[in-house]
Full PDB file with SEQRES, HELIX, SHEET, SSBOND, CRYST1, ORIGX, SCALE, CONECT and MASTER records, all heavy atoms in Angstrom:
SEQRES   1 A   33  PRO ALA GLY PRO HIS MET ARG SER PRO ASP ALA LEU GLU          
SEQRES   2 A   33  SER ALA ARG SER LEU THR PRO THR VAL ILE THR MET PRO          
SEQRES   3 A   33  ASP THR TRP ARG PHE GLY ARG                                  
HELIX    1 AA1 SER A    8  SER A   14  1                                   7    
CRYST1    1.000    1.000    1.000  90.00  90.00  90.00 P 1           1          
ORIGX1      1.000000  0.000000  0.000000        0.00000                         
ORIGX2      0.000000  1.000000  0.000000        0.00000                         
ORIGX3      0.000000  0.000000  1.000000        0.00000                         
SCALE1      1.000000  0.000000  0.000000        0.00000                         
SCALE2      0.000000  1.000000  0.000000        0.00000                         
SCALE3      0.000000  0.000000  1.000000        0.00000                         
ATOM      1  N   PRO A   1      96.977 130.187 106.930  1.00  0.00           N  
ATOM      2  CA  PRO A   1      95.864 129.387 106.469  1.00  0.00           C  
ATOM      3  C   PRO A   1      96.282 128.026 105.844  1.00  0.00           C  
ATOM      4  O   PRO A   1      95.480 127.119 105.825  1.00  0.00           O  
ATOM      5  CB  PRO A   1      95.118 130.296 105.474  1.00  0.00           C  
ATOM      6  CG  PRO A   1      96.129 131.175 104.980  1.00  0.00           C  
ATOM      7  CD  PRO A   1      97.044 131.385 106.123  1.00  0.00           C  
ATOM      8  N   ALA A   2      97.550 128.043 105.271  1.00  0.00           N  
ATOM      9  CA  ALA A   2      98.068 126.854 104.625  1.00  0.00           C  
ATOM     10  C   ALA A   2      99.513 126.662 105.099  1.00  0.00           C  
ATOM     11  O   ALA A   2     100.413 126.983 104.201  1.00  0.00           O  
ATOM     12  CB  ALA A   2      97.913 126.937 103.092  1.00  0.00           C  
ATOM     13  N   GLY A   3      99.767 126.246 106.265  1.00  0.00           N  
ATOM     14  CA  GLY A   3     101.104 126.176 106.700  1.00  0.00           C  
ATOM     15  C   GLY A   3     101.799 124.920 106.210  1.00  0.00           C  
ATOM     16  O   GLY A   3     101.133 123.966 105.785  1.00  0.00           O  
ATOM     17  N   PRO A   4     103.158 124.939 106.180  1.00  0.00           N  
ATOM     18  CA  PRO A   4     103.879 123.791 105.572  1.00  0.00           C  
ATOM     19  C   PRO A   4     103.736 122.442 106.383  1.00  0.00           C  
ATOM     20  O   PRO A   4     104.018 121.434 105.885  1.00  0.00           O  
ATOM     21  CB  PRO A   4     105.352 124.345 105.572  1.00  0.00           C  
ATOM     22  CG  PRO A   4     105.342 125.361 106.675  1.00  0.00           C  
ATOM     23  CD  PRO A   4     104.066 126.029 106.581  1.00  0.00           C  
ATOM     24  N   HIS A   5     103.316 122.585 107.565  1.00  0.00           N  
ATOM     25  CA  HIS A   5     103.115 121.346 108.525  1.00  0.00           C  
ATOM     26  C   HIS A   5     101.790 120.722 108.348  1.00  0.00           C  
ATOM     27  O   HIS A   5     101.556 119.650 108.770  1.00  0.00           O  
ATOM     28  CB  HIS A   5     103.285 121.836 109.933  1.00  0.00           C  
ATOM     29  CG  HIS A   5     102.245 122.808 110.426  1.00  0.00           C  
ATOM     30  ND1 HIS A   5     102.058 124.035 109.884  1.00  0.00           N  
ATOM     31  CD2 HIS A   5     101.231 122.631 111.409  1.00  0.00           C  
ATOM     32  CE1 HIS A   5     101.047 124.720 110.480  1.00  0.00           C  
ATOM     33  NE2 HIS A   5     100.588 123.831 111.370  1.00  0.00           N  
ATOM     34  N   MET A   6     100.822 121.454 107.595  1.00  0.00           N  
ATOM     35  CA  MET A   6      99.506 120.907 107.478  1.00  0.00           C  
ATOM     36  C   MET A   6      99.383 119.738 106.522  1.00  0.00           C  
ATOM     37  O   MET A   6     100.311 119.629 105.674  1.00  0.00           O  
ATOM     38  CB  MET A   6      98.510 122.057 107.053  1.00  0.00           C  
ATOM     39  CG  MET A   6      98.277 123.107 107.999  1.00  0.00           C  
ATOM     40  SD  MET A   6      97.367 124.494 107.374  1.00  0.00           S  
ATOM     41  CE  MET A   6      95.799 123.664 107.019  1.00  0.00           C  
ATOM     42  N   ARG A   7      98.389 118.935 106.663  1.00  0.00           N  
ATOM     43  CA  ARG A   7      98.153 117.864 105.661  1.00  0.00           C  
ATOM     44  C   ARG A   7      97.900 118.597 104.345  1.00  0.00           C  
ATOM     45  O   ARG A   7      97.072 119.556 104.252  1.00  0.00           O  
ATOM     46  CB  ARG A   7      96.977 116.963 106.076  1.00  0.00           C  
ATOM     47  CG  ARG A   7      97.137 116.281 107.427  1.00  0.00           C  
ATOM     48  CD  ARG A   7      96.079 115.313 107.801  1.00  0.00           C  
ATOM     49  NE  ARG A   7      94.749 115.803 107.726  1.00  0.00           N  
ATOM     50  CZ  ARG A   7      93.638 115.052 107.976  1.00  0.00           C  
ATOM     51  NH1 ARG A   7      93.746 113.824 108.198  1.00  0.00           N  
ATOM     52  NH2 ARG A   7      92.412 115.587 107.882  1.00  0.00           N  
ATOM     53  N   SER A   8      98.466 118.066 103.292  1.00  0.00           N  
ATOM     54  CA  SER A   8      98.450 118.793 101.974  1.00  0.00           C  
ATOM     55  C   SER A   8      97.053 119.062 101.457  1.00  0.00           C  
ATOM     56  O   SER A   8      96.754 120.203 101.035  1.00  0.00           O  
ATOM     57  CB  SER A   8      99.386 118.027 100.989  1.00  0.00           C  
ATOM     58  OG  SER A   8      98.898 116.660 100.840  1.00  0.00           O  
ATOM     59  N   PRO A   9      96.034 118.150 101.481  1.00  0.00           N  
ATOM     60  CA  PRO A   9      94.791 118.514 101.013  1.00  0.00           C  
ATOM     61  C   PRO A   9      94.057 119.566 101.893  1.00  0.00           C  
ATOM     62  O   PRO A   9      93.424 120.450 101.305  1.00  0.00           O  
ATOM     63  CB  PRO A   9      93.974 117.209 101.119  1.00  0.00           C  
ATOM     64  CG  PRO A   9      94.975 116.113 101.054  1.00  0.00           C  
ATOM     65  CD  PRO A   9      96.110 116.712 101.855  1.00  0.00           C  
ATOM     66  N   ASP A  10      94.273 119.497 103.135  1.00  0.00           N  
ATOM     67  CA  ASP A  10      93.726 120.539 104.069  1.00  0.00           C  
ATOM     68  C   ASP A  10      94.332 121.926 103.720  1.00  0.00           C  
ATOM     69  O   ASP A  10      93.627 122.936 103.679  1.00  0.00           O  
ATOM     70  CB  ASP A  10      93.947 120.196 105.543  1.00  0.00           C  
ATOM     71  CG  ASP A  10      93.288 118.964 106.037  1.00  0.00           C  
ATOM     72  OD1 ASP A  10      92.245 118.577 105.324  1.00  0.00           O  
ATOM     73  OD2 ASP A  10      93.698 118.349 106.974  1.00  0.00           O  
ATOM     74  N   ALA A  11      95.637 121.921 103.533  1.00  0.00           N  
ATOM     75  CA  ALA A  11      96.316 123.213 103.218  1.00  0.00           C  
ATOM     76  C   ALA A  11      95.805 123.799 101.889  1.00  0.00           C  
ATOM     77  O   ALA A  11      95.616 125.010 101.698  1.00  0.00           O  
ATOM     78  CB  ALA A  11      97.839 123.017 103.184  1.00  0.00           C  
ATOM     79  N   LEU A  12      95.580 122.973 100.865  1.00  0.00           N  
ATOM     80  CA  LEU A  12      95.126 123.381  99.631  1.00  0.00           C  
ATOM     81  C   LEU A  12      93.720 123.965  99.647  1.00  0.00           C  
ATOM     82  O   LEU A  12      93.415 124.928  99.056  1.00  0.00           O  
ATOM     83  CB  LEU A  12      95.249 122.264  98.498  1.00  0.00           C  
ATOM     84  CG  LEU A  12      96.499 121.952  97.893  1.00  0.00           C  
ATOM     85  CD1 LEU A  12      96.343 120.867  96.837  1.00  0.00           C  
ATOM     86  CD2 LEU A  12      97.137 123.208  97.339  1.00  0.00           C  
ATOM     87  N   GLU A  13      92.946 123.290 100.452  1.00  0.00           N  
ATOM     88  CA  GLU A  13      91.481 123.821 100.679  1.00  0.00           C  
ATOM     89  C   GLU A  13      91.542 125.122 101.383  1.00  0.00           C  
ATOM     90  O   GLU A  13      90.598 125.927 101.196  1.00  0.00           O  
ATOM     91  CB  GLU A  13      90.658 122.772 101.358  1.00  0.00           C  
ATOM     92  CG  GLU A  13      90.274 121.610 100.501  1.00  0.00           C  
ATOM     93  CD  GLU A  13      89.084 120.785 101.096  1.00  0.00           C  
ATOM     94  OE1 GLU A  13      87.972 121.075 100.735  1.00  0.00           O  
ATOM     95  OE2 GLU A  13      89.418 119.814 101.908  1.00  0.00           O  
ATOM     96  N   SER A  14      92.486 125.313 102.216  1.00  0.00           N  
ATOM     97  CA  SER A  14      92.526 126.580 102.997  1.00  0.00           C  
ATOM     98  C   SER A  14      93.331 127.722 102.278  1.00  0.00           C  
ATOM     99  O   SER A  14      93.160 128.872 102.719  1.00  0.00           O  
ATOM    100  CB  SER A  14      93.249 126.323 104.361  1.00  0.00           C  
ATOM    101  OG  SER A  14      92.633 125.332 105.152  1.00  0.00           O  
ATOM    102  N   ALA A  15      94.040 127.476 101.313  1.00  0.00           N  
ATOM    103  CA  ALA A  15      94.790 128.397 100.565  1.00  0.00           C  
ATOM    104  C   ALA A  15      93.853 129.446  99.859  1.00  0.00           C  
ATOM    105  O   ALA A  15      92.812 129.093  99.284  1.00  0.00           O  
ATOM    106  CB  ALA A  15      95.705 127.749  99.497  1.00  0.00           C  
ATOM    107  N   ARG A  16      94.175 130.648  99.975  1.00  0.00           N  
ATOM    108  CA  ARG A  16      93.351 131.744  99.459  1.00  0.00           C  
ATOM    109  C   ARG A  16      93.523 131.925  97.948  1.00  0.00           C  
ATOM    110  O   ARG A  16      92.621 132.455  97.286  1.00  0.00           O  
ATOM    111  CB  ARG A  16      93.708 133.099 100.171  1.00  0.00           C  
ATOM    112  CG  ARG A  16      93.482 133.085 101.615  1.00  0.00           C  
ATOM    113  CD  ARG A  16      93.636 134.469 102.234  1.00  0.00           C  
ATOM    114  NE  ARG A  16      93.437 134.471 103.719  1.00  0.00           N  
ATOM    115  CZ  ARG A  16      94.408 134.491 104.591  1.00  0.00           C  
ATOM    116  NH1 ARG A  16      95.727 134.464 104.149  1.00  0.00           N  
ATOM    117  NH2 ARG A  16      94.132 134.521 105.887  1.00  0.00           N  
ATOM    118  N   SER A  17      94.608 131.459  97.385  1.00  0.00           N  
ATOM    119  CA  SER A  17      94.943 131.685  96.002  1.00  0.00           C  
ATOM    120  C   SER A  17      94.491 130.585  95.081  1.00  0.00           C  
ATOM    121  O   SER A  17      94.631 130.670  93.843  1.00  0.00           O  
ATOM    122  CB  SER A  17      96.496 131.816  95.872  1.00  0.00           C  
ATOM    123  OG  SER A  17      97.156 130.585  96.302  1.00  0.00           O  
ATOM    124  N   LEU A  18      93.900 129.543  95.548  1.00  0.00           N  
ATOM    125  CA  LEU A  18      93.455 128.388  94.850  1.00  0.00           C  
ATOM    126  C   LEU A  18      92.169 127.802  95.394  1.00  0.00           C  
ATOM    127  O   LEU A  18      91.975 127.674  96.554  1.00  0.00           O  
ATOM    128  CB  LEU A  18      94.581 127.356  94.831  1.00  0.00           C  
ATOM    129  CG  LEU A  18      94.357 126.086  94.012  1.00  0.00           C  
ATOM    130  CD1 LEU A  18      94.367 126.344  92.549  1.00  0.00           C  
ATOM    131  CD2 LEU A  18      95.449 125.004  94.335  1.00  0.00           C  
ATOM    132  N   THR A  19      91.282 127.458  94.439  1.00  0.00           N  
ATOM    133  CA  THR A  19      90.033 126.720  94.795  1.00  0.00           C  
ATOM    134  C   THR A  19      90.135 125.355  94.105  1.00  0.00           C  
ATOM    135  O   THR A  19      89.762 125.285  92.931  1.00  0.00           O  
ATOM    136  CB  THR A  19      88.868 127.503  94.287  1.00  0.00           C  
ATOM    137  OG1 THR A  19      88.775 128.803  94.929  1.00  0.00           O  
ATOM    138  CG2 THR A  19      87.548 126.733  94.742  1.00  0.00           C  
ATOM    139  N   PRO A  20      90.498 124.311  94.786  1.00  0.00           N  
ATOM    140  CA  PRO A  20      90.569 123.056  94.174  1.00  0.00           C  
ATOM    141  C   PRO A  20      89.239 122.392  93.904  1.00  0.00           C  
ATOM    142  O   PRO A  20      88.205 122.751  94.540  1.00  0.00           O  
ATOM    143  CB  PRO A  20      91.334 122.245  95.248  1.00  0.00           C  
ATOM    144  CG  PRO A  20      91.042 122.866  96.543  1.00  0.00           C  
ATOM    145  CD  PRO A  20      90.914 124.345  96.209  1.00  0.00           C  
ATOM    146  N   THR A  21      89.184 121.569  92.926  1.00  0.00           N  
ATOM    147  CA  THR A  21      88.025 120.708  92.693  1.00  0.00           C  
ATOM    148  C   THR A  21      88.005 119.607  93.648  1.00  0.00           C  
ATOM    149  O   THR A  21      89.020 118.796  93.755  1.00  0.00           O  
ATOM    150  CB  THR A  21      88.086 120.138  91.233  1.00  0.00           C  
ATOM    151  OG1 THR A  21      88.154 121.231  90.336  1.00  0.00           O  
ATOM    152  CG2 THR A  21      86.883 119.225  90.999  1.00  0.00           C  
ATOM    153  N   VAL A  22      86.922 119.404  94.428  1.00  0.00           N  
ATOM    154  CA  VAL A  22      86.811 118.424  95.423  1.00  0.00           C  
ATOM    155  C   VAL A  22      85.749 117.389  95.077  1.00  0.00           C  
ATOM    156  O   VAL A  22      84.638 117.715  94.757  1.00  0.00           O  
ATOM    157  CB  VAL A  22      86.395 119.060  96.860  1.00  0.00           C  
ATOM    158  CG1 VAL A  22      86.331 117.996  97.959  1.00  0.00           C  
ATOM    159  CG2 VAL A  22      87.447 120.129  97.263  1.00  0.00           C  
ATOM    160  N   ILE A  23      86.186 116.074  95.144  1.00  0.00           N  
ATOM    161  CA  ILE A  23      85.292 115.012  94.813  1.00  0.00           C  
ATOM    162  C   ILE A  23      85.306 114.091  96.048  1.00  0.00           C  
ATOM    163  O   ILE A  23      86.310 113.817  96.657  1.00  0.00           O  
ATOM    164  CB  ILE A  23      85.865 114.219  93.564  1.00  0.00           C  
ATOM    165  CG1 ILE A  23      85.897 115.161  92.321  1.00  0.00           C  
ATOM    166  CG2 ILE A  23      85.017 113.079  93.279  1.00  0.00           C  
ATOM    167  CD1 ILE A  23      86.664 114.653  91.162  1.00  0.00           C  
ATOM    168  N   THR A  24      84.159 113.563  96.440  1.00  0.00           N  
ATOM    169  CA  THR A  24      84.007 112.601  97.468  1.00  0.00           C  
ATOM    170  C   THR A  24      83.633 111.235  96.991  1.00  0.00           C  
ATOM    171  O   THR A  24      82.737 111.149  96.122  1.00  0.00           O  
ATOM    172  CB  THR A  24      83.087 113.072  98.603  1.00  0.00           C  
ATOM    173  OG1 THR A  24      81.778 113.337  97.980  1.00  0.00           O  
ATOM    174  CG2 THR A  24      83.521 114.363  99.126  1.00  0.00           C  
ATOM    175  N   MET A  25      84.176 110.279  97.497  1.00  0.00           N  
ATOM    176  CA  MET A  25      83.781 108.823  97.165  1.00  0.00           C  
ATOM    177  C   MET A  25      82.602 108.436  98.141  1.00  0.00           C  
ATOM    178  O   MET A  25      82.664 108.667  99.331  1.00  0.00           O  
ATOM    179  CB  MET A  25      84.969 107.916  97.377  1.00  0.00           C  
ATOM    180  CG  MET A  25      86.144 108.351  96.462  1.00  0.00           C  
ATOM    181  SD  MET A  25      87.598 107.203  96.468  1.00  0.00           S  
ATOM    182  CE  MET A  25      86.884 105.775  95.519  1.00  0.00           C  
ATOM    183  N   PRO A  26      81.566 107.860  97.603  1.00  0.00           N  
ATOM    184  CA  PRO A  26      80.285 107.763  98.353  1.00  0.00           C  
ATOM    185  C   PRO A  26      80.180 106.603  99.224  1.00  0.00           C  
ATOM    186  O   PRO A  26      79.291 106.594 100.068  1.00  0.00           O  
ATOM    187  CB  PRO A  26      79.229 107.709  97.187  1.00  0.00           C  
ATOM    188  CG  PRO A  26      79.981 107.023  96.061  1.00  0.00           C  
ATOM    189  CD  PRO A  26      81.444 107.490  96.155  1.00  0.00           C  
ATOM    190  N   ASP A  27      81.036 105.573  99.125  1.00  0.00           N  
ATOM    191  CA  ASP A  27      80.774 104.386  99.838  1.00  0.00           C  
ATOM    192  C   ASP A  27      82.104 103.673 100.363  1.00  0.00           C  
ATOM    193  O   ASP A  27      83.204 103.916  99.796  1.00  0.00           O  
ATOM    194  CB  ASP A  27      80.072 103.312  99.006  1.00  0.00           C  
ATOM    195  CG  ASP A  27      78.639 103.785  98.564  1.00  0.00           C  
ATOM    196  OD1 ASP A  27      77.784 103.935  99.463  1.00  0.00           O  
ATOM    197  OD2 ASP A  27      78.449 103.932  97.380  1.00  0.00           O  
ATOM    198  N   THR A  28      81.989 102.904 101.350  1.00  0.00           N  
ATOM    199  CA  THR A  28      83.020 102.009 101.767  1.00  0.00           C  
ATOM    200  C   THR A  28      82.683 100.656 101.318  1.00  0.00           C  
ATOM    201  O   THR A  28      81.603 100.192 101.276  1.00  0.00           O  
ATOM    202  CB  THR A  28      83.302 101.988 103.257  1.00  0.00           C  
ATOM    203  OG1 THR A  28      84.332 101.133 103.658  1.00  0.00           O  
ATOM    204  CG2 THR A  28      82.074 101.720 104.022  1.00  0.00           C  
ATOM    205  N   TRP A  29      83.739  99.904 100.977  1.00  0.00           N  
ATOM    206  CA  TRP A  29      83.594  98.492 100.595  1.00  0.00           C  
ATOM    207  C   TRP A  29      84.167  97.452 101.607  1.00  0.00           C  
ATOM    208  O   TRP A  29      84.356  96.330 101.404  1.00  0.00           O  
ATOM    209  CB  TRP A  29      84.231  98.221  99.191  1.00  0.00           C  
ATOM    210  CG  TRP A  29      83.579  99.021  98.138  1.00  0.00           C  
ATOM    211  CD1 TRP A  29      83.882 100.291  97.827  1.00  0.00           C  
ATOM    212  CD2 TRP A  29      82.636  98.575  97.229  1.00  0.00           C  
ATOM    213  NE1 TRP A  29      83.148 100.734  96.715  1.00  0.00           N  
ATOM    214  CE2 TRP A  29      82.294  99.613  96.304  1.00  0.00           C  
ATOM    215  CE3 TRP A  29      81.915  97.372  97.050  1.00  0.00           C  
ATOM    216  CZ2 TRP A  29      81.361  99.586  95.345  1.00  0.00           C  
ATOM    217  CZ3 TRP A  29      80.976  97.316  96.019  1.00  0.00           C  
ATOM    218  CH2 TRP A  29      80.735  98.353  95.188  1.00  0.00           C  
ATOM    219  N   ARG A  30      84.527  98.068 102.734  1.00  0.00           N  
ATOM    220  CA  ARG A  30      85.236  97.276 103.801  1.00  0.00           C  
ATOM    221  C   ARG A  30      84.312  96.891 104.978  1.00  0.00           C  
ATOM    222  O   ARG A  30      84.237  95.704 105.328  1.00  0.00           O  
ATOM    223  CB  ARG A  30      86.400  98.036 104.417  1.00  0.00           C  
ATOM    224  CG  ARG A  30      87.224  97.236 105.456  1.00  0.00           C  
ATOM    225  CD  ARG A  30      88.339  97.998 105.983  1.00  0.00           C  
ATOM    226  NE  ARG A  30      89.304  98.368 104.965  1.00  0.00           N  
ATOM    227  CZ  ARG A  30      90.075  99.399 105.056  1.00  0.00           C  
ATOM    228  NH1 ARG A  30      90.100 100.205 106.037  1.00  0.00           N  
ATOM    229  NH2 ARG A  30      90.910  99.704 104.054  1.00  0.00           N  
ATOM    230  N   PHE A  31      83.591  97.865 105.523  1.00  0.00           N  
ATOM    231  CA  PHE A  31      82.847  97.540 106.707  1.00  0.00           C  
ATOM    232  C   PHE A  31      81.350  98.003 106.456  1.00  0.00           C  
ATOM    233  O   PHE A  31      81.003  98.562 105.424  1.00  0.00           O  
ATOM    234  CB  PHE A  31      83.337  98.288 107.942  1.00  0.00           C  
ATOM    235  CG  PHE A  31      83.786  99.713 107.728  1.00  0.00           C  
ATOM    236  CD1 PHE A  31      82.808 100.733 107.650  1.00  0.00           C  
ATOM    237  CD2 PHE A  31      85.089 100.008 107.673  1.00  0.00           C  
ATOM    238  CE1 PHE A  31      83.164 102.058 107.408  1.00  0.00           C  
ATOM    239  CE2 PHE A  31      85.501 101.387 107.418  1.00  0.00           C  
ATOM    240  CZ  PHE A  31      84.599 102.409 107.291  1.00  0.00           C  
ATOM    241  N   GLY A  32      80.465  97.677 107.465  1.00  0.00           N  
ATOM    242  CA  GLY A  32      79.050  97.818 107.223  1.00  0.00           C  
ATOM    243  C   GLY A  32      78.446  99.066 107.815  1.00  0.00           C  
ATOM    244  O   GLY A  32      79.156  99.991 108.318  1.00  0.00           O  
ATOM    245  N   ARG A  33      77.129  99.065 107.876  1.00  0.00           N  
ATOM    246  CA  ARG A  33      76.359 100.279 108.300  1.00  0.00           C  
ATOM    247  C   ARG A  33      76.681 100.671 109.752  1.00  0.00           C  
ATOM    248  O   ARG A  33      76.777 101.826 110.123  1.00  0.00           O  
ATOM    249  CB  ARG A  33      74.866 100.023 108.072  1.00  0.00           C  
ATOM    250  CG  ARG A  33      73.951 101.056 108.681  1.00  0.00           C  
ATOM    251  CD  ARG A  33      74.241 102.509 108.293  1.00  0.00           C  
ATOM    252  NE  ARG A  33      74.176 102.671 106.895  1.00  0.00           N  
ATOM    253  CZ  ARG A  33      74.502 103.862 106.283  1.00  0.00           C  
ATOM    254  NH1 ARG A  33      74.798 104.930 106.962  1.00  0.00           N  
ATOM    255  NH2 ARG A  33      74.327 104.006 104.969  1.00  0.00           N  
TER     256      ARG A  33                                                      
MASTER        0    0    0    1    0    0    0    6  255    1    0    3          
END                                                                             
C-alpha cells in the first residue's frame, strides 16, 4: 500500500499505520477559469 517507489504523500495517505492531516489549497493564482 505504501511502496518505496511511490510519491511520498501518496504513500503516507495509503499507509495503514498513519492517518495524516490533509489540507488543500483552494485556488490558483496563475491561470484562469
